[in-house]
Amino acid sequence: MFAVASSAAILPISGFPAGVEVHWETQRRVVWNEQEHTREEYELVYEISWIKELGLWRSFLRSRHKVKS
């Protein structure tokens, strides 16, 4: 299973110049738990922002939560 939700805003976040576009994407993914030999669903929240100096988008994982059944 794979689902994506997205939100966007221009926010004054410390460490980013004013007007930098930052948005978050939430993805739900099913992953394999090797220790328990089971499939588990996780909600992953990524922060995505534009790096003007490099001319590219950057993305990194902000949070990871197991979805309760």
Protein backbone atom coordinates (compact mmCIF):
# COMPACT_ATOMS: atom_id res chain seq x y z
CA MET A 1 0.00 0.00 0.00
CA PHE A 2 1.25 3.45 -0.84
CA ALA A 3 -0.59 6.73 -0.26
CA VAL A 4 0.62 10.32 -0.37
CA ALA A 5 -0.81 13.50 1.13
CA SER A 6 0.83 16.88 0.74
CA SER A 7 0.58 20.35 2.24
CA ALA A 8 2.47 23.51 1.31
CA ALA A 9 3.15 26.90 2.82
CA ILE A 10 5.65 29.72 2.67
CA LEU A 11 6.83 29.85 6.24
CA PRO A 12 9.50 31.77 8.15
CA ILE A 13 11.44 28.70 9.34
CA SER A 14 14.71 29.36 11.13
CA GLY A 15 17.66 28.41 8.95
CA PHE A 16 15.77 29.18 5.70
CA PRO A 17 15.73 32.56 3.96
CA ALA A 18 12.38 34.36 3.79
CA GLY A 19 10.13 33.18 0.98
CA VAL A 20 11.62 29.70 0.66
CA GLU A 21 8.99 27.20 -0.39
CA VAL A 22 8.68 24.41 2.15
CA HIS A 23 6.08 21.68 2.13
CA TRP A 24 5.48 18.35 3.79
CA GLU A 25 4.45 15.06 2.26
CA THR A 26 2.87 12.27 4.25
CA GLN A 27 3.23 8.76 2.92
CA ARG A 28 1.79 5.53 4.26
CA ARG A 29 3.93 2.52 3.43
CA VAL A 30 3.87 -1.13 4.30
CA VAL A 31 7.30 -2.36 5.39
CA TRP A 32 8.64 -5.76 6.35
CA ASN A 33 9.66 -6.25 10.01
CA GLU A 34 12.51 -8.75 9.76
CA GLN A 35 12.64 -9.44 13.51
CA GLU A 36 8.96 -10.35 13.81
CA HIS A 37 8.50 -11.59 10.23
CA THR A 38 5.40 -9.43 9.74
CA ARG A 39 4.26 -6.58 7.53
CA GLU A 40 3.68 -3.25 9.29
CA GLU A 41 2.16 -0.01 8.06
CA TYR A 42 4.03 3.24 8.80
CA GLU A 43 3.18 6.89 8.26
CA LEU A 44 6.23 8.81 7.04
CA VAL A 45 6.35 12.62 7.00
CA TYR A 46 8.94 14.26 4.73
CA GLU A 47 9.91 17.93 4.66
CA ILE A 48 10.64 19.12 1.13
CA SER A 49 12.24 22.47 0.37
CA TRP A 50 13.84 24.26 -2.56
CA ILE A 51 17.59 25.05 -2.35
CA LYS A 52 18.01 28.10 -4.57
CA GLU A 53 21.82 28.05 -4.53
CA LEU A 54 21.92 24.49 -5.83
CA GLY A 55 18.79 24.70 -7.98
CA LEU A 56 17.26 21.56 -6.56
CA TRP A 57 14.73 20.20 -4.09
CA ARG A 58 15.83 18.53 -0.88
CA SER A 59 13.81 16.04 1.08
CA PHE A 60 14.34 14.45 4.46
CA LEU A 61 12.32 12.32 6.82
CA ARG A 62 10.83 14.37 9.69
CA SER A 63 8.85 11.65 11.46
CA ARG A 64 7.98 7.97 11.28
CA HIS A 65 5.01 6.49 13.15
CA LYS A 66 3.61 3.00 13.14
CA VAL A 67 -0.06 3.02 12.09
CA LYS A 68 -2.18 1.18 14.63
CA SER A 69 -4.48 -1.48 13.20
